[in-house]
Amino acid sequence: MIVESYLVNSLLAISIFILLFFSRNKFKTQLGFFFLGGSMLKFLFFFIIFNPVYKADGEIQAVEFAAFFIPYFLSLALETIFAARMLNNL
């Protein structure tokens, strides 16, 4: 499920950034909470979508673990960079 993991993480990261971008002027003081909520949403997707598939054989292998967390951290890094740049321009 590597492709699905990258796809889900990419779509969630784009959605979170769009939320931050369009709410940057109206909710300046809540942007950090939106960012953290987005990270929590990604973990929720992991536990609902990917975790049951990975645990189907009784154990989570290192490849399965990496298949989610590598795209998670890549999208988190990009989100953080873009969000920091956006906030610096306010």
PDB file of N, CA and C in Angstrom:
ATOM      1  N   MET A   1       0.815  -1.199   0.000  1.00  0.00           N
ATOM      2  CA  MET A   1       0.000   0.000   0.000  1.00  0.00           C
ATOM      3  C   MET A   1       0.861   1.267   0.000  1.00  0.00           C
ATOM      4  N   ILE A   2       2.017   1.187  -0.617  1.00  0.00           N
ATOM      5  CA  ILE A   2       2.916   2.338  -0.629  1.00  0.00           C
ATOM      6  C   ILE A   2       2.323   3.485  -1.441  1.00  0.00           C
ATOM      7  N   VAL A   3       1.796   3.188  -2.606  1.00  0.00           N
ATOM      8  CA  VAL A   3       1.226   4.237  -3.460  1.00  0.00           C
ATOM      9  C   VAL A   3       0.039   4.897  -2.773  1.00  0.00           C
ATOM     10  N   GLU A   4      -0.811   4.094  -2.167  1.00  0.00           N
ATOM     11  CA  GLU A   4      -1.971   4.641  -1.459  1.00  0.00           C
ATOM     12  C   GLU A   4      -1.547   5.530  -0.293  1.00  0.00           C
ATOM     13  N   SER A   5      -0.496   5.123   0.403  1.00  0.00           N
ATOM     14  CA  SER A   5      -0.003   5.900   1.530  1.00  0.00           C
ATOM     15  C   SER A   5       0.514   7.262   1.082  1.00  0.00           C
ATOM     16  N   TYR A   6       1.298   7.273   0.013  1.00  0.00           N
ATOM     17  CA  TYR A   6       1.784   8.551  -0.521  1.00  0.00           C
ATOM     18  C   TYR A   6       0.624   9.407  -1.009  1.00  0.00           C
ATOM     19  N   LEU A   7      -0.335   8.797  -1.658  1.00  0.00           N
ATOM     20  CA  LEU A   7      -1.474   9.534  -2.189  1.00  0.00           C
ATOM     21  C   LEU A   7      -2.315  10.146  -1.062  1.00  0.00           C
ATOM     22  N   VAL A   8      -2.637   9.350  -0.053  1.00  0.00           N
ATOM     23  CA  VAL A   8      -3.447   9.845   1.069  1.00  0.00           C
ATOM     24  C   VAL A   8      -2.710  10.952   1.808  1.00  0.00           C
ATOM     25  N   ASN A   9      -1.432  10.760   2.089  1.00  0.00           N
ATOM     26  CA  ASN A   9      -0.665  11.784   2.787  1.00  0.00           C
ATOM     27  C   ASN A   9      -0.536  13.057   1.961  1.00  0.00           C
ATOM     28  N   SER A  10      -0.347  12.921   0.669  1.00  0.00           N
ATOM     29  CA  SER A  10      -0.247  14.100  -0.199  1.00  0.00           C
ATOM     30  C   SER A  10      -1.562  14.867  -0.238  1.00  0.00           C
ATOM     31  N   LEU A  11      -2.668  14.160  -0.398  1.00  0.00           N
ATOM     32  CA  LEU A  11      -3.969  14.821  -0.444  1.00  0.00           C
ATOM     33  C   LEU A  11      -4.303  15.500   0.883  1.00  0.00           C
ATOM     34  N   LEU A  12      -3.986  14.838   1.980  1.00  0.00           N
ATOM     35  CA  LEU A  12      -4.233  15.446   3.290  1.00  0.00           C
ATOM     36  C   LEU A  12      -3.344  16.668   3.511  1.00  0.00           C
ATOM     37  N   ALA A  13      -2.079  16.582   3.107  1.00  0.00           N
ATOM     38  CA  ALA A  13      -1.170  17.722   3.264  1.00  0.00           C
ATOM     39  C   ALA A  13      -1.645  18.913   2.444  1.00  0.00           C
ATOM     40  N   ILE A  14      -2.082  18.670   1.221  1.00  0.00           N
ATOM     41  CA  ILE A  14      -2.596  19.748   0.369  1.00  0.00           C
ATOM     42  C   ILE A  14      -3.851  20.342   0.981  1.00  0.00           C
ATOM     43  N   SER A  15      -4.729  19.487   1.478  1.00  0.00           N
ATOM     44  CA  SER A  15      -5.965  19.971   2.104  1.00  0.00           C
ATOM     45  C   SER A  15      -5.683  20.818   3.337  1.00  0.00           C
ATOM     46  N   ILE A  16      -4.750  20.379   4.150  1.00  0.00           N
ATOM     47  CA  ILE A  16      -4.402  21.119   5.365  1.00  0.00           C
ATOM     48  C   ILE A  16      -3.790  22.466   5.005  1.00  0.00           C
ATOM     49  N   PHE A  17      -2.898  22.468   4.014  1.00  0.00           N
ATOM     50  CA  PHE A  17      -2.292  23.732   3.618  1.00  0.00           C
ATOM     51  C   PHE A  17      -3.337  24.694   3.052  1.00  0.00           C
ATOM     52  N   ILE A  18      -4.271  24.188   2.269  1.00  0.00           N
ATOM     53  CA  ILE A  18      -5.348  25.039   1.737  1.00  0.00           C
ATOM     54  C   ILE A  18      -6.173  25.615   2.878  1.00  0.00           C
ATOM     55  N   LEU A  19      -6.488  24.792   3.868  1.00  0.00           N
ATOM     56  CA  LEU A  19      -7.218  25.284   5.043  1.00  0.00           C
ATOM     57  C   LEU A  19      -6.443  26.395   5.744  1.00  0.00           C
ATOM     58  N   LEU A  20      -5.144  26.188   5.939  1.00  0.00           N
ATOM     59  CA  LEU A  20      -4.317  27.203   6.580  1.00  0.00           C
ATOM     60  C   LEU A  20      -4.260  28.479   5.745  1.00  0.00           C
ATOM     61  N   PHE A  21      -4.110  28.311   4.439  1.00  0.00           N
ATOM     62  CA  PHE A  21      -3.976  29.467   3.556  1.00  0.00           C
ATOM     63  C   PHE A  21      -5.234  30.328   3.560  1.00  0.00           C
ATOM     64  N   PHE A  22      -6.396  29.696   3.447  1.00  0.00           N
ATOM     65  CA  PHE A  22      -7.634  30.468   3.368  1.00  0.00           C
ATOM     66  C   PHE A  22      -8.113  30.985   4.723  1.00  0.00           C
ATOM     67  N   SER A  23      -7.583  30.440   5.804  1.00  0.00           N
ATOM     68  CA  SER A  23      -7.994  30.927   7.118  1.00  0.00           C
ATOM     69  C   SER A  23      -6.915  31.786   7.776  1.00  0.00           C
ATOM     70  N   ARG A  24      -5.852  32.105   7.058  1.00  0.00           N
ATOM     71  CA  ARG A  24      -4.724  32.826   7.645  1.00  0.00           C
ATOM     72  C   ARG A  24      -5.074  34.229   8.114  1.00  0.00           C
ATOM     73  N   ASN A  25      -5.982  34.913   7.462  1.00  0.00           N
ATOM     74  CA  ASN A  25      -6.330  36.270   7.869  1.00  0.00           C
ATOM     75  C   ASN A  25      -7.417  36.304   8.932  1.00  0.00           C
ATOM     76  N   LYS A  26      -8.373  35.406   8.830  1.00  0.00           N
ATOM     77  CA  LYS A  26      -9.503  35.418   9.749  1.00  0.00           C
ATOM     78  C   LYS A  26      -9.178  34.756  11.096  1.00  0.00           C
ATOM     79  N   PHE A  27      -8.382  33.703  11.061  1.00  0.00           N
ATOM     80  CA  PHE A  27      -8.076  32.927  12.273  1.00  0.00           C
ATOM     81  C   PHE A  27      -6.570  32.895  12.538  1.00  0.00           C
ATOM     82  N   LYS A  28      -5.931  34.042  12.611  1.00  0.00           N
ATOM     83  CA  LYS A  28      -4.475  34.105  12.792  1.00  0.00           C
ATOM     84  C   LYS A  28      -4.006  33.369  14.037  1.00  0.00           C
ATOM     85  N   THR A  29      -4.743  33.523  15.116  1.00  0.00           N
ATOM     86  CA  THR A  29      -4.300  32.929  16.380  1.00  0.00           C
ATOM     87  C   THR A  29      -4.597  31.434  16.477  1.00  0.00           C
ATOM     88  N   GLN A  30      -5.424  30.903  15.609  1.00  0.00           N
ATOM     89  CA  GLN A  30      -5.781  29.482  15.651  1.00  0.00           C
ATOM     90  C   GLN A  30      -5.042  28.640  14.613  1.00  0.00           C
ATOM     91  N   LEU A  31      -4.176  29.236  13.803  1.00  0.00           N
ATOM     92  CA  LEU A  31      -3.511  28.489  12.737  1.00  0.00           C
ATOM     93  C   LEU A  31      -2.672  27.330  13.277  1.00  0.00           C
ATOM     94  N   GLY A  32      -2.049  27.518  14.422  1.00  0.00           N
ATOM     95  CA  GLY A  32      -1.273  26.430  15.020  1.00  0.00           C
ATOM     96  C   GLY A  32      -2.138  25.246  15.393  1.00  0.00           C
ATOM     97  N   PHE A  33      -3.329  25.528  15.900  1.00  0.00           N
ATOM     98  CA  PHE A  33      -4.249  24.444  16.238  1.00  0.00           C
ATOM     99  C   PHE A  33      -4.745  23.725  14.979  1.00  0.00           C
ATOM    100  N   PHE A  34      -4.977  24.476  13.907  1.00  0.00           N
ATOM    101  CA  PHE A  34      -5.376  23.854  12.643  1.00  0.00           C
ATOM    102  C   PHE A  34      -4.265  22.940  12.130  1.00  0.00           C
ATOM    103  N   PHE A  35      -3.027  23.402  12.258  1.00  0.00           N
ATOM    104  CA  PHE A  35      -1.878  22.619  11.815  1.00  0.00           C
ATOM    105  C   PHE A  35      -1.769  21.325  12.621  1.00  0.00           C
ATOM    106  N   LEU A  36      -1.874  21.431  13.940  1.00  0.00           N
ATOM    107  CA  LEU A  36      -1.805  20.237  14.793  1.00  0.00           C
ATOM    108  C   LEU A  36      -2.992  19.307  14.556  1.00  0.00           C
ATOM    109  N   GLY A  37      -4.166  19.901  14.336  1.00  0.00           N
ATOM    110  CA  GLY A  37      -5.344  19.089  14.023  1.00  0.00           C
ATOM    111  C   GLY A  37      -5.165  18.314  12.733  1.00  0.00           C
ATOM    112  N   GLY A  38      -4.499  18.928  11.766  1.00  0.00           N
ATOM    113  CA  GLY A  38      -4.215  18.232  10.508  1.00  0.00           C
ATOM    114  C   GLY A  38      -3.287  17.055  10.707  1.00  0.00           C
ATOM    115  N   SER A  39      -2.293  17.218  11.565  1.00  0.00           N
ATOM    116  CA  SER A  39      -1.393  16.097  11.871  1.00  0.00           C
ATOM    117  C   SER A  39      -2.142  14.976  12.568  1.00  0.00           C
ATOM    118  N   MET A  40      -3.040  15.355  13.468  1.00  0.00           N
ATOM    119  CA  MET A  40      -3.857  14.345  14.147  1.00  0.00           C
ATOM    120  C   MET A  40      -4.774  13.635  13.151  1.00  0.00           C
ATOM    121  N   LEU A  41      -5.285  14.376  12.182  1.00  0.00           N
ATOM    122  CA  LEU A  41      -6.134  13.788  11.145  1.00  0.00           C
ATOM    123  C   LEU A  41      -5.367  12.744  10.332  1.00  0.00           C
ATOM    124  N   LYS A  42      -4.108  13.026  10.043  1.00  0.00           N
ATOM    125  CA  LYS A  42      -3.288  12.059   9.297  1.00  0.00           C
ATOM    126  C   LYS A  42      -3.107  10.775  10.099  1.00  0.00           C
ATOM    127  N   PHE A  43      -2.840  10.897  11.407  1.00  0.00           N
ATOM    128  CA  PHE A  43      -2.712   9.698  12.235  1.00  0.00           C
ATOM    129  C   PHE A  43      -4.028   8.943  12.313  1.00  0.00           C
ATOM    130  N   LEU A  44      -5.130   9.651  12.359  1.00  0.00           N
ATOM    131  CA  LEU A  44      -6.441   9.019  12.380  1.00  0.00           C
ATOM    132  C   LEU A  44      -6.657   8.203  11.101  1.00  0.00           C
ATOM    133  N   PHE A  45      -6.277   8.774   9.963  1.00  0.00           N
ATOM    134  CA  PHE A  45      -6.368   8.029   8.705  1.00  0.00           C
ATOM    135  C   PHE A  45      -5.505   6.778   8.749  1.00  0.00           C
ATOM    136  N   PHE A  46      -4.319   6.880   9.353  1.00  0.00           N
ATOM    137  CA  PHE A  46      -3.455   5.712   9.461  1.00  0.00           C
ATOM    138  C   PHE A  46      -4.134   4.606  10.250  1.00  0.00           C
ATOM    139  N   PHE A  47      -4.701   4.957  11.410  1.00  0.00           N
ATOM    140  CA  PHE A  47      -5.299   3.933  12.254  1.00  0.00           C
ATOM    141  C   PHE A  47      -6.604   3.385  11.689  1.00  0.00           C
ATOM    142  N   ILE A  48      -7.291   4.151  10.869  1.00  0.00           N
ATOM    143  CA  ILE A  48      -8.538   3.666  10.278  1.00  0.00           C
ATOM    144  C   ILE A  48      -8.294   2.897   8.984  1.00  0.00           C
ATOM    145  N   ILE A  49      -7.420   3.407   8.122  1.00  0.00           N
ATOM    146  CA  ILE A  49      -7.243   2.818   6.785  1.00  0.00           C
ATOM    147  C   ILE A  49      -6.087   1.827   6.726  1.00  0.00           C
ATOM    148  N   PHE A  50      -4.906   2.239   7.166  1.00  0.00           N
ATOM    149  CA  PHE A  50      -3.710   1.433   6.931  1.00  0.00           C
ATOM    150  C   PHE A  50      -3.419   0.414   8.032  1.00  0.00           C
ATOM    151  N   ASN A  51      -3.617   0.764   9.267  1.00  0.00           N
ATOM    152  CA  ASN A  51      -3.280  -0.129  10.371  1.00  0.00           C
ATOM    153  C   ASN A  51      -3.995  -1.480  10.296  1.00  0.00           C
ATOM    154  N   PRO A  52      -5.303  -1.532  10.022  1.00  0.00           N
ATOM    155  CA  PRO A  52      -5.947  -2.853   9.927  1.00  0.00           C
ATOM    156  C   PRO A  52      -5.359  -3.742   8.821  1.00  0.00           C
ATOM    157  N   VAL A  53      -4.974  -3.123   7.712  1.00  0.00           N
ATOM    158  CA  VAL A  53      -4.379  -3.898   6.612  1.00  0.00           C
ATOM    159  C   VAL A  53      -3.004  -4.411   7.020  1.00  0.00           C
ATOM    160  N   TYR A  54      -2.224  -3.556   7.677  1.00  0.00           N
ATOM    161  CA  TYR A  54      -0.885  -3.960   8.093  1.00  0.00           C
ATOM    162  C   TYR A  54      -0.917  -5.023   9.188  1.00  0.00           C
ATOM    163  N   LYS A  55      -1.924  -4.986  10.058  1.00  0.00           N
ATOM    164  CA  LYS A  55      -2.011  -5.947  11.157  1.00  0.00           C
ATOM    165  C   LYS A  55      -2.759  -7.220  10.776  1.00  0.00           C
ATOM    166  N   ALA A  56      -3.169  -7.351   9.528  1.00  0.00           N
ATOM    167  CA  ALA A  56      -3.942  -8.517   9.097  1.00  0.00           C
ATOM    168  C   ALA A  56      -3.167  -9.824   9.288  1.00  0.00           C
ATOM    169  N   ASP A  57      -1.854  -9.765   9.139  1.00  0.00           N
ATOM    170  CA  ASP A  57      -1.055 -10.979   9.314  1.00  0.00           C
ATOM    171  C   ASP A  57      -0.555 -11.156  10.749  1.00  0.00           C
ATOM    172  N   GLY A  58      -0.968 -10.266  11.646  1.00  0.00           N
ATOM    173  CA  GLY A  58      -0.620 -10.408  13.050  1.00  0.00           C
ATOM    174  C   GLY A  58       0.549  -9.564  13.514  1.00  0.00           C
ATOM    175  N   GLU A  59       1.310  -8.998  12.589  1.00  0.00           N
ATOM    176  CA  GLU A  59       2.436  -8.153  12.982  1.00  0.00           C
ATOM    177  C   GLU A  59       2.677  -7.084  11.918  1.00  0.00           C
ATOM    178  N   ILE A  60       3.250  -5.989  12.353  1.00  0.00           N
ATOM    179  CA  ILE A  60       3.588  -4.908  11.435  1.00  0.00           C
ATOM    180  C   ILE A  60       5.084  -5.001  11.142  1.00  0.00           C
ATOM    181  N   GLN A  61       5.418  -5.180   9.887  1.00  0.00           N
ATOM    182  CA  GLN A  61       6.808  -5.304   9.463  1.00  0.00           C
ATOM    183  C   GLN A  61       7.422  -3.918   9.284  1.00  0.00           C
ATOM    184  N   ALA A  62       8.730  -3.855   9.237  1.00  0.00           N
ATOM    185  CA  ALA A  62       9.429  -2.574   9.084  1.00  0.00           C
ATOM    186  C   ALA A  62       9.058  -1.900   7.764  1.00  0.00           C
ATOM    187  N   VAL A  63       8.862  -2.670   6.722  1.00  0.00           N
ATOM    188  CA  VAL A  63       8.482  -2.111   5.419  1.00  0.00           C
ATOM    189  C   VAL A  63       7.096  -1.485   5.499  1.00  0.00           C
ATOM    190  N   GLU A  64       6.190  -2.131   6.182  1.00  0.00           N
ATOM    191  CA  GLU A  64       4.840  -1.583   6.338  1.00  0.00           C
ATOM    192  C   GLU A  64       4.863  -0.307   7.178  1.00  0.00           C
ATOM    193  N   PHE A  65       5.665  -0.307   8.217  1.00  0.00           N
ATOM    194  CA  PHE A  65       5.805   0.873   9.055  1.00  0.00           C
ATOM    195  C   PHE A  65       6.373   2.040   8.238  1.00  0.00           C
ATOM    196  N   ALA A  66       7.404   1.775   7.480  1.00  0.00           N
ATOM    197  CA  ALA A  66       8.040   2.811   6.661  1.00  0.00           C
ATOM    198  C   ALA A  66       7.126   3.282   5.542  1.00  0.00           C
ATOM    199  N   ALA A  67       6.250   2.402   5.047  1.00  0.00           N
ATOM    200  CA  ALA A  67       5.352   2.764   3.948  1.00  0.00           C
ATOM    201  C   ALA A  67       4.389   3.862   4.354  1.00  0.00           C
ATOM    202  N   PHE A  68       4.101   3.997   5.629  1.00  0.00           N
ATOM    203  CA  PHE A  68       3.252   5.097   6.067  1.00  0.00           C
ATOM    204  C   PHE A  68       4.078   6.275   6.569  1.00  0.00           C
ATOM    205  N   PHE A  69       5.075   6.020   7.394  1.00  0.00           N
ATOM    206  CA  PHE A  69       5.749   7.114   8.079  1.00  0.00           C
ATOM    207  C   PHE A  69       6.718   7.898   7.202  1.00  0.00           C
ATOM    208  N   ILE A  70       7.277   7.314   6.168  1.00  0.00           N
ATOM    209  CA  ILE A  70       8.123   8.097   5.253  1.00  0.00           C
ATOM    210  C   ILE A  70       7.282   9.146   4.532  1.00  0.00           C
ATOM    211  N   PRO A  71       6.157   8.779   3.886  1.00  0.00           N
ATOM    212  CA  PRO A  71       5.351   9.840   3.270  1.00  0.00           C
ATOM    213  C   PRO A  71       4.742  10.794   4.293  1.00  0.00           C
ATOM    214  N   TYR A  72       4.464  10.306   5.504  1.00  0.00           N
ATOM    215  CA  TYR A  72       3.928  11.180   6.546  1.00  0.00           C
ATOM    216  C   TYR A  72       4.938  12.271   6.888  1.00  0.00           C
ATOM    217  N   PHE A  73       6.182  11.886   7.120  1.00  0.00           N
ATOM    218  CA  PHE A  73       7.197  12.874   7.487  1.00  0.00           C
ATOM    219  C   PHE A  73       7.576  13.778   6.322  1.00  0.00           C
ATOM    220  N   LEU A  74       7.555  13.254   5.100  1.00  0.00           N
ATOM    221  CA  LEU A  74       7.810  14.111   3.933  1.00  0.00           C
ATOM    222  C   LEU A  74       6.736  15.179   3.803  1.00  0.00           C
ATOM    223  N   SER A  75       5.490  14.764   3.907  1.00  0.00           N
ATOM    224  CA  SER A  75       4.403  15.746   3.786  1.00  0.00           C
ATOM    225  C   SER A  75       4.399  16.697   4.974  1.00  0.00           C
ATOM    226  N   LEU A  76       4.745  16.219   6.161  1.00  0.00           N
ATOM    227  CA  LEU A  76       4.814  17.083   7.335  1.00  0.00           C
ATOM    228  C   LEU A  76       5.912  18.133   7.171  1.00  0.00           C
ATOM    229  N   ALA A  77       7.059  17.731   6.637  1.00  0.00           N
ATOM    230  CA  ALA A  77       8.152  18.679   6.419  1.00  0.00           C
ATOM    231  C   ALA A  77       7.745  19.752   5.418  1.00  0.00           C
ATOM    232  N   LEU A  78       7.131  19.346   4.313  1.00  0.00           N
ATOM    233  CA  LEU A  78       6.690  20.320   3.312  1.00  0.00           C
ATOM    234  C   LEU A  78       5.610  21.236   3.873  1.00  0.00           C
ATOM    235  N   GLU A  79       4.679  20.675   4.613  1.00  0.00           N
ATOM    236  CA  GLU A  79       3.630  21.479   5.257  1.00  0.00           C
ATOM    237  C   GLU A  79       4.236  22.517   6.185  1.00  0.00           C
ATOM    238  N   THR A  80       5.199  22.094   6.980  1.00  0.00           N
ATOM    239  CA  THR A  80       5.837  22.985   7.942  1.00  0.00           C
ATOM    240  C   THR A  80       6.572  24.117   7.238  1.00  0.00           C
ATOM    241  N   ILE A  81       7.305  23.798   6.186  1.00  0.00           N
ATOM    242  CA  ILE A  81       8.039  24.824   5.441  1.00  0.00           C
ATOM    243  C   ILE A  81       7.080  25.836   4.835  1.00  0.00           C
ATOM    244  N   PHE A  82       6.056  25.356   4.151  1.00  0.00           N
ATOM    245  CA  PHE A  82       5.111  26.272   3.507  1.00  0.00           C
ATOM    246  C   PHE A  82       4.305  27.068   4.534  1.00  0.00           C
ATOM    247  N   ALA A  83       3.924  26.438   5.627  1.00  0.00           N
ATOM    248  CA  ALA A  83       3.166  27.150   6.658  1.00  0.00           C
ATOM    249  C   ALA A  83       4.039  28.217   7.318  1.00  0.00           C
ATOM    250  N   ALA A  84       5.304  27.909   7.566  1.00  0.00           N
ATOM    251  CA  ALA A  84       6.213  28.898   8.168  1.00  0.00           C
ATOM    252  C   ALA A  84       6.408  30.086   7.237  1.00  0.00           C
ATOM    253  N   ARG A  85       6.587  29.819   5.955  1.00  0.00           N
ATOM    254  CA  ARG A  85       6.738  30.918   4.982  1.00  0.00           C
ATOM    255  C   ARG A  85       5.470  31.766   4.919  1.00  0.00           C
ATOM    256  N   MET A  86       4.327  31.117   4.955  1.00  0.00           N
ATOM    257  CA  MET A  86       3.064  31.842   4.902  1.00  0.00           C
ATOM    258  C   MET A  86       2.901  32.707   6.143  1.00  0.00           C
ATOM    259  N   LEU A  87       3.223  32.154   7.298  1.00  0.00           N
ATOM    260  CA  LEU A  87       3.078  32.923   8.536  1.00  0.00           C
ATOM    261  C   LEU A  87       4.079  34.067   8.631  1.00  0.00           C
ATOM    262  N   ASN A  88       5.254  33.907   8.068  1.00  0.00           N
ATOM    263  CA  ASN A  88       6.238  34.984   8.078  1.00  0.00           C
ATOM    264  C   ASN A  88       5.801  36.158   7.207  1.00  0.00           C
ATOM    265  N   ASN A  89       4.932  35.903   6.235  1.00  0.00           N
ATOM    266  CA  ASN A  89       4.461  36.959   5.351  1.00  0.00           C
ATOM    267  C   ASN A  89       3.247  37.678   5.907  1.00  0.00           C
ATOM    268  N   LEU A  90       2.713  37.269   7.047  1.00  0.00           N
ATOM    269  CA  LEU A  90       1.542  37.948   7.628  1.00  0.00           C
ATOM    270  C   LEU A  90       1.932  39.231   8.303  1.00  0.00           C
TER     271      LEU A  90
END
